[in-house]
Amino acid sequence: MVDDDTDASLRGRDLLGLGGLLVGGVVGGLVVGVLLDNWLDAAPVFELIGITLGIVLAGVGFWLRVRSALRG
């Protein structure tokens, strides 16, 4: 019998959380970028910076969560 707590795999809820992390990072960066562009009248500078930062931060968060899940 396999103990579910020691199984080093990703389940459906873990994968949904990872997907939400990726989407949230990109969308969050975009929203912040759009707000800054509207406020500073600098379109599309901050939109591109926000999307880039969102992708990078979401990728790092994704990597950290997968690494910790697989280490068990």
N, C-alpha and C. Protein backbone atom coordinates (compact mmCIF):
# COMPACT_ATOMS: atom_id res chain seq x y z
N MET A 1 0.84 -1.18 0.00
CA MET A 1 0.00 0.00 0.00
C MET A 1 0.89 1.24 0.00
N VAL A 2 0.54 2.24 -0.82
CA VAL A 2 1.32 3.45 -0.95
C VAL A 2 0.71 4.54 -0.08
N ASP A 3 1.56 5.18 0.70
CA ASP A 3 1.10 6.28 1.53
C ASP A 3 1.00 7.53 0.67
N ASP A 4 -0.19 8.14 0.58
CA ASP A 4 -0.41 9.29 -0.30
C ASP A 4 0.41 10.51 0.11
N ASP A 5 0.75 10.64 1.40
CA ASP A 5 1.48 11.82 1.85
C ASP A 5 2.94 11.81 1.40
N THR A 6 3.50 10.64 1.13
CA THR A 6 4.90 10.58 0.73
C THR A 6 5.07 10.43 -0.77
N ASP A 7 3.99 10.39 -1.51
CA ASP A 7 4.04 10.25 -2.96
C ASP A 7 4.50 11.57 -3.58
N ALA A 8 5.64 11.54 -4.30
CA ALA A 8 6.20 12.76 -4.88
C ALA A 8 5.66 12.96 -6.29
N SER A 9 4.39 13.33 -6.39
CA SER A 9 3.79 13.58 -7.69
C SER A 9 2.85 14.77 -7.57
N LEU A 10 2.44 15.26 -8.70
CA LEU A 10 1.53 16.39 -8.73
C LEU A 10 0.14 15.89 -9.08
N ARG A 11 -0.81 16.24 -8.26
CA ARG A 11 -2.20 15.83 -8.48
C ARG A 11 -2.95 16.93 -9.22
N GLY A 12 -4.20 16.68 -9.52
CA GLY A 12 -5.02 17.62 -10.26
C GLY A 12 -5.12 18.98 -9.60
N ARG A 13 -5.34 19.02 -8.30
CA ARG A 13 -5.45 20.31 -7.62
C ARG A 13 -4.13 21.06 -7.63
N ASP A 14 -3.01 20.32 -7.58
CA ASP A 14 -1.70 20.96 -7.66
C ASP A 14 -1.49 21.57 -9.04
N LEU A 15 -1.91 20.85 -10.07
CA LEU A 15 -1.75 21.36 -11.42
C LEU A 15 -2.66 22.56 -11.68
N LEU A 16 -3.86 22.55 -11.11
CA LEU A 16 -4.75 23.71 -11.23
C LEU A 16 -4.14 24.92 -10.54
N GLY A 17 -3.53 24.70 -9.39
CA GLY A 17 -2.86 25.78 -8.69
C GLY A 17 -1.69 26.34 -9.48
N LEU A 18 -0.95 25.46 -10.14
CA LEU A 18 0.17 25.91 -10.96
C LEU A 18 -0.31 26.71 -12.17
N GLY A 19 -1.39 26.26 -12.77
CA GLY A 19 -1.97 27.00 -13.89
C GLY A 19 -2.47 28.37 -13.45
N GLY A 20 -3.11 28.40 -12.29
CA GLY A 20 -3.57 29.68 -11.75
C GLY A 20 -2.42 30.62 -11.43
N LEU A 21 -1.32 30.06 -10.95
CA LEU A 21 -0.13 30.86 -10.67
C LEU A 21 0.41 31.50 -11.95
N LEU A 22 0.49 30.71 -13.01
CA LEU A 22 0.99 31.24 -14.29
C LEU A 22 0.06 32.30 -14.86
N VAL A 23 -1.23 32.02 -14.88
CA VAL A 23 -2.20 32.98 -15.42
C VAL A 23 -2.24 34.24 -14.56
N GLY A 24 -2.24 34.06 -13.25
CA GLY A 24 -2.28 35.21 -12.35
C GLY A 24 -1.07 36.11 -12.48
N GLY A 25 0.09 35.51 -12.66
CA GLY A 25 1.30 36.31 -12.82
C GLY A 25 1.26 37.15 -14.07
N VAL A 26 0.88 36.55 -15.18
CA VAL A 26 0.85 37.27 -16.45
C VAL A 26 -0.25 38.33 -16.45
N VAL A 27 -1.44 37.95 -16.01
CA VAL A 27 -2.57 38.89 -16.00
C VAL A 27 -2.32 40.01 -14.99
N GLY A 28 -1.77 39.65 -13.83
CA GLY A 28 -1.45 40.67 -12.83
C GLY A 28 -0.43 41.67 -13.33
N GLY A 29 0.61 41.18 -13.98
CA GLY A 29 1.60 42.08 -14.55
C GLY A 29 1.01 42.98 -15.62
N LEU A 30 0.14 42.42 -16.44
CA LEU A 30 -0.52 43.20 -17.50
C LEU A 30 -1.41 44.28 -16.90
N VAL A 31 -2.19 43.94 -15.89
CA VAL A 31 -3.10 44.91 -15.28
C VAL A 31 -2.31 46.05 -14.63
N VAL A 32 -1.26 45.72 -13.91
CA VAL A 32 -0.44 46.76 -13.29
C VAL A 32 0.19 47.64 -14.38
N GLY A 33 0.66 47.01 -15.44
CA GLY A 33 1.25 47.76 -16.54
C GLY A 33 0.25 48.70 -17.21
N VAL A 34 -0.95 48.23 -17.44
CA VAL A 34 -1.98 49.08 -18.06
C VAL A 34 -2.33 50.25 -17.15
N LEU A 35 -2.46 49.98 -15.87
CA LEU A 35 -2.77 51.06 -14.93
C LEU A 35 -1.66 52.11 -14.89
N LEU A 36 -0.42 51.66 -14.87
CA LEU A 36 0.70 52.61 -14.87
C LEU A 36 0.77 53.38 -16.19
N ASP A 37 0.52 52.70 -17.30
CA ASP A 37 0.52 53.39 -18.59
C ASP A 37 -0.57 54.45 -18.67
N ASN A 38 -1.74 54.14 -18.17
CA ASN A 38 -2.82 55.12 -18.18
C ASN A 38 -2.51 56.29 -17.26
N TRP A 39 -1.91 56.01 -16.13
CA TRP A 39 -1.60 57.05 -15.15
C TRP A 39 -0.47 57.96 -15.65
N LEU A 40 0.56 57.35 -16.27
CA LEU A 40 1.73 58.11 -16.71
C LEU A 40 1.70 58.46 -18.20
N ASP A 41 0.68 58.03 -18.91
CA ASP A 41 0.54 58.27 -20.34
C ASP A 41 1.80 57.83 -21.10
N ALA A 42 2.18 56.57 -20.89
CA ALA A 42 3.43 56.06 -21.47
C ALA A 42 3.21 54.75 -22.21
N ALA A 43 2.02 54.53 -22.77
CA ALA A 43 1.70 53.26 -23.41
C ALA A 43 2.67 52.95 -24.54
N PRO A 44 3.04 51.77 -24.76
CA PRO A 44 2.85 50.50 -24.06
C PRO A 44 4.04 50.09 -23.20
N VAL A 45 4.82 51.06 -22.72
CA VAL A 45 6.06 50.75 -22.01
C VAL A 45 5.81 49.88 -20.79
N PHE A 46 4.95 50.32 -19.90
CA PHE A 46 4.74 49.57 -18.66
C PHE A 46 3.93 48.29 -18.87
N GLU A 47 3.13 48.25 -19.92
CA GLU A 47 2.43 47.01 -20.24
C GLU A 47 3.43 45.91 -20.57
N LEU A 48 4.41 46.25 -21.40
CA LEU A 48 5.43 45.27 -21.77
C LEU A 48 6.30 44.88 -20.58
N ILE A 49 6.66 45.87 -19.76
CA ILE A 49 7.45 45.58 -18.56
C ILE A 49 6.65 44.70 -17.60
N GLY A 50 5.36 45.02 -17.43
CA GLY A 50 4.51 44.24 -16.53
C GLY A 50 4.32 42.81 -16.99
N ILE A 51 4.11 42.62 -18.29
CA ILE A 51 3.95 41.27 -18.82
C ILE A 51 5.25 40.48 -18.64
N THR A 52 6.38 41.13 -18.94
CA THR A 52 7.67 40.45 -18.79
C THR A 52 7.93 40.06 -17.35
N LEU A 53 7.73 40.99 -16.43
CA LEU A 53 7.92 40.67 -15.01
C LEU A 53 6.94 39.59 -14.55
N GLY A 54 5.70 39.65 -15.03
CA GLY A 54 4.71 38.63 -14.67
C GLY A 54 5.13 37.25 -15.14
N ILE A 55 5.64 37.17 -16.36
CA ILE A 55 6.09 35.87 -16.89
C ILE A 55 7.27 35.34 -16.09
N VAL A 56 8.23 36.22 -15.80
CA VAL A 56 9.42 35.80 -15.06
C VAL A 56 9.04 35.35 -13.65
N LEU A 57 8.26 36.16 -12.95
CA LEU A 57 7.89 35.81 -11.57
C LEU A 57 7.00 34.57 -11.52
N ALA A 58 6.09 34.43 -12.47
CA ALA A 58 5.25 33.23 -12.51
C ALA A 58 6.09 32.00 -12.82
N GLY A 59 7.07 32.14 -13.71
CA GLY A 59 7.95 31.01 -14.02
C GLY A 59 8.78 30.58 -12.82
N VAL A 60 9.29 31.55 -12.07
CA VAL A 60 10.07 31.23 -10.87
C VAL A 60 9.18 30.57 -9.83
N GLY A 61 7.98 31.11 -9.62
CA GLY A 61 7.05 30.51 -8.67
C GLY A 61 6.65 29.10 -9.08
N PHE A 62 6.42 28.90 -10.37
CA PHE A 62 6.09 27.59 -10.90
C PHE A 62 7.23 26.61 -10.62
N TRP A 63 8.45 27.02 -10.92
CA TRP A 63 9.61 26.16 -10.73
C TRP A 63 9.80 25.81 -9.25
N LEU A 64 9.63 26.77 -8.37
CA LEU A 64 9.79 26.51 -6.93
C LEU A 64 8.73 25.55 -6.41
N ARG A 65 7.50 25.72 -6.85
CA ARG A 65 6.42 24.82 -6.39
C ARG A 65 6.60 23.40 -6.93
N VAL A 66 6.96 23.28 -8.18
CA VAL A 66 7.17 21.94 -8.74
C VAL A 66 8.36 21.26 -8.07
N ARG A 67 9.42 22.01 -7.86
CA ARG A 67 10.61 21.45 -7.20
C ARG A 67 10.28 20.98 -5.80
N SER A 68 9.54 21.77 -5.03
CA SER A 68 9.21 21.34 -3.67
C SER A 68 8.23 20.17 -3.67
N ALA A 69 7.33 20.12 -4.66
CA ALA A 69 6.39 19.01 -4.74
C ALA A 69 7.09 17.70 -5.09
N LEU A 70 8.07 17.78 -5.96
CA LEU A 70 8.76 16.56 -6.38
C LEU A 70 9.77 16.10 -5.35
N ARG A 71 10.26 16.99 -4.51
CA ARG A 71 11.17 16.59 -3.44
C ARG A 71 10.41 15.88 -2.33
N GLY A 72 9.15 16.19 -2.25
CA GLY A 72 8.29 15.45 -1.37
C GLY A 72 8.21 15.90 0.02
